[in-house]
C-alpha atoms as a PDB file:
ATOM      1  CA  MET A   1     158.977 -10.275 -89.458  1.00  0.00           C
ATOM      2  CA  ASN A   2     158.420  -8.807 -85.999  1.00  0.00           C
ATOM      3  CA  SER A   3     160.631  -5.736 -86.319  1.00  0.00           C
ATOM      4  CA  PRO A   4     161.071  -2.309 -84.730  1.00  0.00           C
ATOM      5  CA  ARG A   5     160.289  -0.767 -88.120  1.00  0.00           C
ATOM      6  CA  LYS A   6     156.762  -2.194 -87.969  1.00  0.00           C
ATOM      7  CA  PHE A   7     156.113  -0.406 -84.691  1.00  0.00           C
ATOM      8  CA  ARG A   8     157.680   2.807 -85.995  1.00  0.00           C
ATOM      9  CA  GLU A   9     155.353   2.641 -88.979  1.00  0.00           C
ATOM     10  CA  LEU A  10     152.374   2.278 -86.652  1.00  0.00           C
ATOM     11  CA  LEU A  11     153.489   5.333 -84.697  1.00  0.00           C
ATOM     12  CA  LYS A  12     153.827   7.266 -87.948  1.00  0.00           C
ATOM     13  CA  ASN A  13     150.710   6.111 -89.768  1.00  0.00           C
ATOM     14  CA  GLU A  14     148.113   5.176 -87.144  1.00  0.00           C
ATOM     15  CA  ALA A  15     146.115   7.910 -85.462  1.00  0.00           C
ATOM     16  CA  PHE A  16     145.567   5.829 -82.330  1.00  0.00           C
ATOM     17  CA  ILE A  17     146.994   2.473 -81.221  1.00  0.00           C
ATOM     18  CA  VAL A  18     145.521  -0.060 -78.801  1.00  0.00           C
ATOM     19  CA  SER A  19     148.130  -2.454 -77.432  1.00  0.00           C
ATOM     20  CA  PRO A  20     146.861  -5.340 -75.256  1.00  0.00           C
ATOM     21  CA  GLY A  21     149.206  -6.549 -72.568  1.00  0.00           C
ATOM     22  CA  VAL A  22     150.446 -10.130 -72.937  1.00  0.00           C
ATOM     23  CA  TYR A  23     152.279 -12.543 -70.687  1.00  0.00           C
ATOM     24  CA  ASP A  24     152.344 -15.993 -72.344  1.00  0.00           C
ATOM     25  CA  GLY A  25     152.059 -17.796 -75.676  1.00  0.00           C
ATOM     26  CA  TYR A  26     148.292 -18.092 -75.505  1.00  0.00           C
ATOM     27  CA  SER A  27     147.712 -14.412 -74.798  1.00  0.00           C
ATOM     28  CA  ILE A  28     150.010 -13.055 -77.504  1.00  0.00           C
ATOM     29  CA  ARG A  29     148.671 -15.414 -80.163  1.00  0.00           C
ATOM     30  CA  LEU A  30     145.123 -14.449 -79.214  1.00  0.00           C
ATOM     31  CA  VAL A  31     145.981 -10.761 -79.601  1.00  0.00           C
ATOM     32  CA  GLU A  32     147.324 -11.345 -83.098  1.00  0.00           C
ATOM     33  CA  ALA A  33     144.384 -13.591 -84.033  1.00  0.00           C
ATOM     34  CA  ALA A  34     141.945 -10.896 -82.853  1.00  0.00           C
ATOM     35  CA  GLY A  35     143.419  -8.461 -85.366  1.00  0.00           C
ATOM     36  CA  PHE A  36     145.406  -6.144 -83.089  1.00  0.00           C
ATOM     37  CA  LYS A  37     148.429  -4.638 -84.815  1.00  0.00           C
ATOM     38  CA  THR A  38     150.747  -4.657 -81.823  1.00  0.00           C
ATOM     39  CA  ALA A  39     151.059  -5.980 -78.288  1.00  0.00           C
ATOM     40  CA  CYS A  40     153.055  -5.118 -75.200  1.00  0.00           C
ATOM     41  CA  THR A  41     154.277  -7.252 -72.371  1.00  0.00           C
ATOM     42  CA  SER A  42     153.067  -6.586 -68.861  1.00  0.00           C
ATOM     43  CA  GLY A  43     155.951  -6.881 -66.431  1.00  0.00           C
ATOM     44  CA  ALA A  44     153.472  -7.312 -63.609  1.00  0.00           C
ATOM     45  CA  ALA A  45     151.613 -10.091 -65.416  1.00  0.00           C
ATOM     46  CA  ILE A  46     154.830 -11.908 -66.347  1.00  0.00           C
ATOM     47  CA  SER A  47     156.085 -11.648 -62.781  1.00  0.00           C
ATOM     48  CA  ASN A  48     152.740 -12.850 -61.423  1.00  0.00           C
ATOM     49  CA  ALA A  49     152.515 -15.720 -63.920  1.00  0.00           C
ATOM     50  CA  LEU A  50     156.127 -16.915 -63.811  1.00  0.00           C
ATOM     51  CA  LEU A  51     156.912 -16.441 -60.137  1.00  0.00           C
ATOM     52  CA  GLY A  52     153.465 -16.532 -58.566  1.00  0.00           C
ATOM     53  CA  ILE A  53     154.145 -13.396 -56.511  1.00  0.00           C
ATOM     54  CA  ALA A  54     153.355  -9.689 -56.564  1.00  0.00           C
ATOM     55  CA  ASP A  55     155.215  -7.348 -58.910  1.00  0.00           C
ATOM     56  CA  ILE A  56     157.781  -6.040 -56.431  1.00  0.00           C
ATOM     57  CA  GLY A  57     160.988  -6.189 -58.458  1.00  0.00           C
ATOM     58  CA  VAL A  58     161.925  -9.817 -57.802  1.00  0.00           C
ATOM     59  CA  MET A  59     161.861 -10.955 -61.443  1.00  0.00           C
ATOM     60  CA  GLY A  60     165.319 -10.635 -62.973  1.00  0.00           C
ATOM     61  CA  LEU A  61     166.596  -9.397 -66.308  1.00  0.00           C
ATOM     62  CA  THR A  62     167.363 -12.824 -67.782  1.00  0.00           C
ATOM     63  CA  GLU A  63     163.971 -14.238 -66.803  1.00  0.00           C
ATOM     64  CA  ASN A  64     162.238 -11.275 -68.424  1.00  0.00           C
ATOM     65  CA  VAL A  65     164.325 -11.219 -71.610  1.00  0.00           C
ATOM     66  CA  ASN A  66     164.081 -14.960 -72.198  1.00  0.00           C
ATOM     67  CA  HIS A  67     160.320 -14.895 -71.765  1.00  0.00           C
ATOM     68  CA  CYS A  68     159.947 -11.914 -74.116  1.00  0.00           C
ATOM     69  CA  ARG A  69     162.116 -13.643 -76.724  1.00  0.00           C
ATOM     70  CA  ASN A  70     159.704 -16.577 -76.795  1.00  0.00           C
ATOM     71  CA  LEU A  71     156.725 -14.256 -77.101  1.00  0.00           C
ATOM     72  CA  ALA A  72     158.231 -12.108 -79.865  1.00  0.00           C
ATOM     73  CA  ARG A  73     159.137 -15.047 -82.078  1.00  0.00           C
ATOM     74  CA  SER A  74     155.689 -16.629 -81.820  1.00  0.00           C
ATOM     75  CA  VAL A  75     153.855 -13.858 -83.721  1.00  0.00           C
ATOM     76  CA  SER A  76     154.375 -11.471 -86.621  1.00  0.00           C
ATOM     77  CA  ILE A  77     153.056  -8.314 -84.952  1.00  0.00           C
ATOM     78  CA  PRO A  78     155.538  -6.010 -83.163  1.00  0.00           C
ATOM     79  CA  LEU A  79     155.871  -6.470 -79.419  1.00  0.00           C
ATOM     80  CA  THR A  80     157.164  -3.876 -76.979  1.00  0.00           C
ATOM     81  CA  ALA A  81     158.557  -5.110 -73.681  1.00  0.00           C
ATOM     82  CA  ASP A  82     158.509  -3.899 -70.107  1.00  0.00           C
ATOM     83  CA  ALA A  83     162.154  -3.587 -69.031  1.00  0.00           C
ATOM     84  CA  ASP A  84     161.252  -2.289 -65.560  1.00  0.00           C
ATOM     85  CA  ASN A  85     163.851   0.248 -64.391  1.00  0.00           C
ATOM     86  CA  GLY A  86     166.651  -1.169 -66.526  1.00  0.00           C
ATOM     87  CA  TYR A  87     167.964  -3.429 -63.771  1.00  0.00           C
ATOM     88  CA  GLY A  88     170.513  -1.023 -62.352  1.00  0.00           C
ATOM     89  CA  ASN A  89     172.459   2.080 -63.263  1.00  0.00           C
ATOM     90  CA  PRO A  90     172.900   3.550 -66.769  1.00  0.00           C
ATOM     91  CA  VAL A  91     175.588   0.983 -67.622  1.00  0.00           C
ATOM     92  CA  ASN A  92     173.160  -1.797 -66.706  1.00  0.00           C
ATOM     93  CA  VAL A  93     170.517  -0.071 -68.846  1.00  0.00           C
ATOM     94  CA  PHE A  94     172.902  -0.146 -71.801  1.00  0.00           C
ATOM     95  CA  HIS A  95     173.212  -3.933 -71.588  1.00  0.00           C
ATOM     96  CA  THR A  96     169.515  -4.365 -70.798  1.00  0.00           C
ATOM     97  CA  VAL A  97     168.524  -2.587 -74.011  1.00  0.00           C
ATOM     98  CA  ARG A  98     171.044  -4.627 -76.015  1.00  0.00           C
ATOM     99  CA  MET A  99     169.573  -7.854 -74.659  1.00  0.00           C
ATOM    100  CA  PHE A 100     165.955  -6.899 -75.323  1.00  0.00           C
ATOM    101  CA  GLU A 101     166.771  -5.737 -78.847  1.00  0.00           C
ATOM    102  CA  GLU A 102     168.558  -9.036 -79.521  1.00  0.00           C
ATOM    103  CA  ALA A 103     165.450 -10.839 -78.220  1.00  0.00           C
ATOM    104  CA  GLY A 104     163.429  -9.466 -81.135  1.00  0.00           C
ATOM    105  CA  VAL A 105     161.139  -6.956 -79.453  1.00  0.00           C
ATOM    106  CA  ALA A 106     160.363  -3.604 -81.067  1.00  0.00           C
ATOM    107  CA  GLY A 107     161.086  -1.399 -78.059  1.00  0.00           C
ATOM    108  CA  VAL A 108     161.174  -1.215 -74.278  1.00  0.00           C
ATOM    109  CA  ASN A 109     159.629   0.680 -71.396  1.00  0.00           C
ATOM    110  CA  LEU A 110     162.227   2.102 -69.003  1.00  0.00           C
ATOM    111  CA  GLU A 111     160.856   3.546 -65.809  1.00  0.00           C
ATOM    112  CA  ASP A 112     162.281   6.042 -63.350  1.00  0.00           C
ATOM    113  CA  GLN A 113     161.523   4.059 -60.203  1.00  0.00           C
ATOM    114  CA  VAL A 114     164.174   3.214 -57.625  1.00  0.00           C
ATOM    115  CA  SER A 115     165.223  -0.388 -57.009  1.00  0.00           C
ATOM    116  CA  PRO A 116     163.495  -2.565 -56.097  1.00  0.00           C
ATOM    117  CA  LYS A 117     160.673  -1.299 -58.272  1.00  0.00           C
ATOM    118  CA  ARG A 118     157.013  -2.182 -57.882  1.00  0.00           C
ATOM    119  CA  CYS A 119     153.820  -2.113 -59.884  1.00  0.00           C
ATOM    120  CA  GLY A 120     153.070   1.495 -60.772  1.00  0.00           C
ATOM    121  CA  HIS A 121     149.590   1.269 -59.264  1.00  0.00           C
ATOM    122  CA  MET A 122     150.820   0.057 -55.872  1.00  0.00           C
ATOM    123  CA  PRO A 123     151.556   2.405 -52.947  1.00  0.00           C
ATOM    124  CA  GLY A 124     155.076   2.840 -51.609  1.00  0.00           C
ATOM    125  CA  LYS A 125     156.938   3.512 -54.862  1.00  0.00           C
ATOM    126  CA  ASP A 126     159.642   6.136 -55.305  1.00  0.00           C
ATOM    127  CA  VAL A 127     161.594   7.601 -58.209  1.00  0.00           C
ATOM    128  CA  VAL A 128     165.259   8.231 -58.944  1.00  0.00           C
ATOM    129  CA  SER A 129     166.497  11.751 -59.583  1.00  0.00           C
ATOM    130  CA  GLN A 130     165.698  13.317 -62.923  1.00  0.00           C
ATOM    131  CA  ALA A 131     169.431  13.515 -63.669  1.00  0.00           C
ATOM    132  CA  GLU A 132     169.875   9.763 -63.179  1.00  0.00           C
ATOM    133  CA  MET A 133     166.949   8.944 -65.436  1.00  0.00           C
ATOM    134  CA  LEU A 134     168.329  11.218 -68.153  1.00  0.00           C
ATOM    135  CA  LYS A 135     171.555   9.217 -68.121  1.00  0.00           C
ATOM    136  CA  LYS A 136     169.518   6.000 -68.384  1.00  0.00           C
ATOM    137  CA  ILE A 137     167.721   7.346 -71.450  1.00  0.00           C
ATOM    138  CA  GLU A 138     171.063   8.373 -72.923  1.00  0.00           C
ATOM    139  CA  ALA A 139     172.401   4.866 -72.283  1.00  0.00           C
ATOM    140  CA  ALA A 140     169.340   3.276 -73.860  1.00  0.00           C
ATOM    141  CA  CYS A 141     169.624   5.369 -77.022  1.00  0.00           C
ATOM    142  CA  LEU A 142     173.344   4.655 -77.242  1.00  0.00           C
ATOM    143  CA  ALA A 143     172.834   0.913 -76.821  1.00  0.00           C
ATOM    144  CA  ARG A 144     170.330   0.269 -79.589  1.00  0.00           C
ATOM    145  CA  ARG A 145     171.772  -0.887 -82.889  1.00  0.00           C
ATOM    146  CA  ASP A 146     168.601  -0.205 -84.873  1.00  0.00           C
ATOM    147  CA  ASP A 147     167.425   3.400 -84.736  1.00  0.00           C
ATOM    148  CA  ASP A 148     163.847   2.152 -85.161  1.00  0.00           C
ATOM    149  CA  PHE A 149     164.031   0.391 -81.785  1.00  0.00           C
ATOM    150  CA  VAL A 150     161.703   2.450 -79.585  1.00  0.00           C
ATOM    151  CA  ILE A 151     162.739   3.825 -76.191  1.00  0.00           C
ATOM    152  CA  ILE A 152     159.617   4.417 -74.095  1.00  0.00           C
ATOM    153  CA  ALA A 153     160.414   6.523 -71.027  1.00  0.00           C
ATOM    154  CA  ARG A 154     158.001   5.796 -68.214  1.00  0.00           C
ATOM    155  CA  THR A 155     157.624   8.164 -65.298  1.00  0.00           C
ATOM    156  CA  ASP A 156     156.003   7.370 -61.972  1.00  0.00           C
ATOM    157  CA  ALA A 157     156.583  10.917 -60.752  1.00  0.00           C
ATOM    158  CA  LEU A 158     152.891  11.845 -60.524  1.00  0.00           C
ATOM    159  CA  ALA A 159     152.534   9.965 -57.237  1.00  0.00           C
ATOM    160  CA  ILE A 160     155.661  11.519 -55.712  1.00  0.00           C
ATOM    161  CA  GLU A 161     156.238  14.917 -57.328  1.00  0.00           C
ATOM    162  CA  GLY A 162     152.732  15.722 -58.534  1.00  0.00           C
ATOM    163  CA  ILE A 163     151.729  16.923 -61.975  1.00  0.00           C
ATOM    164  CA  GLU A 164     154.372  19.666 -62.047  1.00  0.00           C
ATOM    165  CA  GLY A 165     157.123  17.131 -61.491  1.00  0.00           C
ATOM    166  CA  ALA A 166     155.665  14.789 -64.104  1.00  0.00           C
ATOM    167  CA  VAL A 167     155.457  17.607 -66.660  1.00  0.00           C
ATOM    168  CA  ARG A 168     159.022  18.682 -65.919  1.00  0.00           C
ATOM    169  CA  ARG A 169     160.258  15.119 -66.381  1.00  0.00           C
ATOM    170  CA  ALA A 170     158.218  14.666 -69.571  1.00  0.00           C
ATOM    171  CA  LYS A 171     159.980  17.598 -71.190  1.00  0.00           C
ATOM    172  CA  ALA A 172     163.397  16.453 -70.007  1.00  0.00           C
ATOM    173  CA  TYR A 173     162.934  12.830 -71.072  1.00  0.00           C
ATOM    174  CA  ALA A 174     161.836  13.891 -74.544  1.00  0.00           C
ATOM    175  CA  ALA A 175     164.833  16.201 -74.858  1.00  0.00           C
ATOM    176  CA  ALA A 176     167.132  13.348 -73.783  1.00  0.00           C
ATOM    177  CA  GLY A 177     166.043  11.239 -76.759  1.00  0.00           C
ATOM    178  CA  ALA A 178     163.073   9.165 -75.613  1.00  0.00           C
ATOM    179  CA  ASP A 179     160.778   8.210 -78.493  1.00  0.00           C
ATOM    180  CA  MET A 180     157.599   7.910 -76.445  1.00  0.00           C
ATOM    181  CA  LEU A 181     156.533   9.002 -72.977  1.00  0.00           C
ATOM    182  CA  PHE A 182     154.618   6.777 -70.582  1.00  0.00           C
ATOM    183  CA  PRO A 183     153.209   8.586 -67.522  1.00  0.00           C
ATOM    184  CA  ASP A 184     151.896   5.852 -65.266  1.00  0.00           C
ATOM    185  CA  ALA A 185     149.004   6.038 -62.800  1.00  0.00           C
ATOM    186  CA  VAL A 186     147.593   9.238 -64.303  1.00  0.00           C
ATOM    187  CA  ARG A 187     144.676  10.471 -62.233  1.00  0.00           C
ATOM    188  CA  THR A 188     142.654  12.773 -64.470  1.00  0.00           C
ATOM    189  CA  GLU A 189     142.106  13.847 -68.053  1.00  0.00           C
ATOM    190  CA  ASP A 190     143.765  17.137 -67.160  1.00  0.00           C
ATOM    191  CA  ASP A 191     146.917  15.259 -66.099  1.00  0.00           C
ATOM    192  CA  ILE A 192     146.977  13.500 -69.456  1.00  0.00           C
ATOM    193  CA  LYS A 193     146.420  16.687 -71.439  1.00  0.00           C
ATOM    194  CA  ARG A 194     149.149  18.590 -69.613  1.00  0.00           C
ATOM    195  CA  ILE A 195     151.664  15.811 -70.130  1.00  0.00           C
ATOM    196  CA  VAL A 196     150.759  15.359 -73.805  1.00  0.00           C
ATOM    197  CA  ASP A 197     151.181  19.100 -74.399  1.00  0.00           C
ATOM    198  CA  ALA A 198     154.497  19.166 -72.546  1.00  0.00           C
ATOM    199  CA  ALA A 199     156.112  16.057 -74.000  1.00  0.00           C
ATOM    200  CA  GLY A 200     156.213  16.898 -77.687  1.00  0.00           C
ATOM    201  CA  ILE A 201     156.614  13.185 -78.462  1.00  0.00           C
ATOM    202  CA  PRO A 202     153.983  10.410 -78.623  1.00  0.00           C
ATOM    203  CA  VAL A 203     152.386   9.589 -75.282  1.00  0.00           C
ATOM    204  CA  THR A 204     151.125   6.170 -74.204  1.00  0.00           C
ATOM    205  CA  VAL A 205     148.721   5.706 -71.291  1.00  0.00           C
ATOM    206  CA  ASN A 206     148.075   2.591 -69.231  1.00  0.00           C
ATOM    207  CA  MET A 207     144.339   1.857 -69.340  1.00  0.00           C
ATOM    208  CA  GLY A 208     144.687  -1.222 -67.161  1.00  0.00           C
ATOM    209  CA  PHE A 209     141.687  -3.504 -67.606  1.00  0.00           C
ATOM    210  CA  GLY A 210     140.356  -1.564 -70.596  1.00  0.00           C
ATOM    211  CA  ILE A 211     136.759  -2.666 -70.098  1.00  0.00           C
ATOM    212  CA  ARG A 212     136.530  -2.485 -66.309  1.00  0.00           C
ATOM    213  CA  SER A 213     137.200   0.403 -63.946  1.00  0.00           C
ATOM    214  CA  ARG A 214     139.899   0.419 -61.250  1.00  0.00           C
ATOM    215  CA  PRO A 215     140.753   2.652 -58.279  1.00  0.00           C
ATOM    216  CA  THR A 216     143.661   4.525 -59.910  1.00  0.00           C
ATOM    217  CA  THR A 217     143.580   5.767 -63.523  1.00  0.00           C
ATOM    218  CA  PRO A 218     139.946   6.334 -64.543  1.00  0.00           C
ATOM    219  CA  LEU A 219     138.375   4.394 -67.402  1.00  0.00           C
ATOM    220  CA  ILE A 220     138.343   6.990 -70.186  1.00  0.00           C
ATOM    221  CA  PRO A 221     136.585   6.359 -73.536  1.00  0.00           C
ATOM    222  CA  LEU A 222     138.951   5.752 -76.438  1.00  0.00           C
ATOM    223  CA  PRO A 223     137.647   8.683 -78.541  1.00  0.00           C
ATOM    224  CA  ARG A 224     138.279  10.977 -75.594  1.00  0.00           C
ATOM    225  CA  LEU A 225     141.844   9.705 -75.139  1.00  0.00           C
ATOM    226  CA  LYS A 226     142.480  10.249 -78.831  1.00  0.00           C
ATOM    227  CA  ALA A 227     141.072  13.769 -78.562  1.00  0.00           C
ATOM    228  CA  LEU A 228     143.434  14.454 -75.645  1.00  0.00           C
ATOM    229  CA  GLY A 229     146.345  13.645 -77.937  1.00  0.00           C
ATOM    230  CA  VAL A 230     147.225  10.187 -76.624  1.00  0.00           C
ATOM    231  CA  LYS A 231     148.942   8.094 -79.307  1.00  0.00           C
ATOM    232  CA  ARG A 232     148.708   4.657 -77.727  1.00  0.00           C
ATOM    233  CA  ILE A 233     147.047   2.925 -74.825  1.00  0.00           C
ATOM    234  CA  SER A 234     148.263  -0.264 -73.202  1.00  0.00           C
ATOM    235  CA  LEU A 235     145.956  -2.783 -71.519  1.00  0.00           C
ATOM    236  CA  PRO A 236     148.314  -4.695 -69.209  1.00  0.00           C
ATOM    237  CA  ARG A 237     145.680  -6.147 -66.895  1.00  0.00           C
ATOM    238  CA  MET A 238     142.860  -7.025 -69.307  1.00  0.00           C
ATOM    239  CA  LEU A 239     143.960 -10.469 -70.475  1.00  0.00           C
ATOM    240  CA  PRO A 240     145.288 -11.733 -67.123  1.00  0.00           C
ATOM    241  CA  ALA A 241     142.042 -10.625 -65.487  1.00  0.00           C
ATOM    242  CA  ALA A 242     139.959 -12.316 -68.187  1.00  0.00           C
ATOM    243  CA  ALA A 243     141.975 -15.532 -67.869  1.00  0.00           C
ATOM    244  CA  ILE A 244     141.666 -15.564 -64.061  1.00  0.00           C
ATOM    245  CA  HIS A 245     137.916 -14.999 -64.325  1.00  0.00           C
ATOM    246  CA  ALA A 246     137.489 -17.860 -66.799  1.00  0.00           C
ATOM    247  CA  MET A 247     139.698 -20.238 -64.832  1.00  0.00           C
ATOM    248  CA  GLN A 248     137.785 -19.533 -61.628  1.00  0.00           C
ATOM    249  CA  HIS A 249     134.497 -20.448 -63.299  1.00  0.00           C
ATOM    250  CA  ALA A 250     135.939 -23.627 -64.840  1.00  0.00           C
ATOM    251  CA  LEU A 251     137.381 -24.726 -61.497  1.00  0.00           C
ATOM    252  CA  GLN A 252     134.086 -24.042 -59.730  1.00  0.00           C
ATOM    253  CA  ALA A 253     132.295 -26.146 -62.352  1.00  0.00           C
ATOM    254  CA  MET A 254     134.790 -28.958 -61.834  1.00  0.00           C
ATOM    255  CA  ARG A 255     134.215 -28.832 -58.073  1.00  0.00           C
ATOM    256  CA  GLY A 256     130.505 -29.282 -58.801  1.00  0.00           C
ATOM    257  CA  VAL A 257     131.261 -32.327 -60.947  1.00  0.00           C
ATOM    258  CA  MET A 258     133.368 -33.804 -58.148  1.00  0.00           C
ATOM    259  CA  GLU A 259     130.568 -33.342 -55.637  1.00  0.00           C
ATOM    260  CA  SER A 260     127.758 -34.617 -57.889  1.00  0.00           C
ATOM    261  CA  GLY A 261     129.643 -37.470 -59.480  1.00  0.00           C
ATOM    262  CA  GLU A 262     127.882 -36.741 -62.775  1.00  0.00           C
ATOM    263  CA  SER A 263     129.497 -36.198 -66.137  1.00  0.00           C
ATOM    264  CA  VAL A 264     129.051 -32.607 -67.334  1.00  0.00           C
ATOM    265  CA  ASP A 265     129.812 -31.084 -70.750  1.00  0.00           C
ATOM    266  CA  ARG A 266     130.379 -27.301 -70.515  1.00  0.00           C
ATOM    267  CA  PRO A 267     131.346 -25.886 -73.928  1.00  0.00           C
ATOM    268  CA  ASP A 268     130.180 -22.512 -72.637  1.00  0.00           C
ATOM    269  CA  LEU A 269     133.164 -22.484 -70.262  1.00  0.00           C
ATOM    270  CA  LEU A 270     135.916 -24.032 -72.361  1.00  0.00           C
ATOM    271  CA  VAL A 271     137.166 -23.871 -75.935  1.00  0.00           C
ATOM    272  CA  GLY A 272     137.666 -27.194 -77.694  1.00  0.00           C
ATOM    273  CA  ILE A 273     140.946 -28.933 -78.383  1.00  0.00           C
ATOM    274  CA  GLU A 274     140.567 -27.932 -82.028  1.00  0.00           C
ATOM    275  CA  ASP A 275     140.586 -24.263 -80.973  1.00  0.00           C
ATOM    276  CA  ILE A 276     143.786 -24.718 -78.987  1.00  0.00           C
ATOM    277  CA  MET A 277     145.468 -26.545 -81.851  1.00  0.00           C
ATOM    278  CA  LYS A 278     144.451 -23.874 -84.353  1.00  0.00           C
ATOM    279  CA  LEU A 279     145.658 -21.053 -82.114  1.00  0.00           C
ATOM    280  CA  MET A 280     149.027 -22.669 -81.481  1.00  0.00           C
ATOM    281  CA  GLY A 281     149.726 -23.613 -85.093  1.00  0.00           C
ATOM    282  CA  TYR A 282     149.454 -27.389 -84.929  1.00  0.00           C
ATOM    283  CA  GLU A 283     148.379 -27.603 -88.581  1.00  0.00           C
ATOM    284  CA  GLU A 284     151.444 -25.670 -89.711  1.00  0.00           C
ATOM    285  CA  MET A 285     153.670 -27.845 -87.541  1.00  0.00           C
ATOM    286  CA  ARG A 286     152.146 -30.979 -89.051  1.00  0.00           C
ATOM    287  CA  ALA A 287     152.705 -29.674 -92.579  1.00  0.00           C
ATOM    288  CA  LEU A 288     156.345 -29.005 -91.734  1.00  0.00           C
ATOM    289  CA  GLU A 289     156.693 -32.527 -90.359  1.00  0.00           C
ATOM    290  CA  LYS A 290     155.295 -33.966 -93.566  1.00  0.00           C
ATOM    291  CA  ARG A 291     157.785 -31.965 -95.597  1.00  0.00           C
ATOM    292  CA  LEU A 292     160.883 -32.578 -93.525  1.00  0.00           C
ATOM    293  CA  THR A 293     160.479 -35.938 -91.774  1.00  0.00           C
ATOM    294  CA  THR A 294     159.147 -39.447 -92.311  1.00  0.00           C
ATOM    295  CA  LEU A 295     156.848 -39.283 -89.254  1.00  0.00           C
ATOM    296  CA  ALA A 296     153.698 -38.850 -91.344  1.00  0.00           C
ATOM    297  CA  GLU A 297     154.512 -41.503 -93.925  1.00  0.00           C
END
């Protein structure tokens, strides 16, 4: 069962956790098949994939929750979800947490951005007051029915209030009851170390693409992150970027076929139908049909 307790056990027993970011049924099943013990949704990737637009706070609560429900029930590993800024004030946060918990995820990120929020690695973001975010964390903790459900407090304060503001918020968010701290768009190893030392609770860091550098948070080796005291890293952009790269190459190959008029077989670019069927559980579905219906007779 995909339960909050599973994620709590990982936090307790694993020295370091790598959590790939997912956004659809293919990506989350691939994460489980690859042997990862947990996954997290990427709000940006879901917004990009579902709406076809930038992550600028347009995706709504119901769209997000419904999508996460489908993802959570398709695998057995625990999934944490990106609940953006809670979709309103602390009362809205209360209901947001209730809905995500009912959807079967193991925990949620709640960020301290103003509305409308935006991707944490985009310019132009701003944060609510520390006092307002503390009430949101209080609301989130009050709302959960299962104490194992994890409240991950994300702060975007580094870009607005600097490292001193981020450290101050880290301490306050931990004291308010957050289970994990998520400082986004960290700039240096020193930033990470200062926040880890200040928080006193597990810290998760967004490593973006994971295996490719980017202009904001530097690409830091996993052993070094572990040595800095980081408990988990998320990889929200890795799988969307890999999928886009692969799709571009397949489409370019198809354009070549259209221009040449020749039949081309490119197993180097595409998995086979048998791979898709195995990933998505067609064999299990067929076995269930044989047991419960007359379709296979």
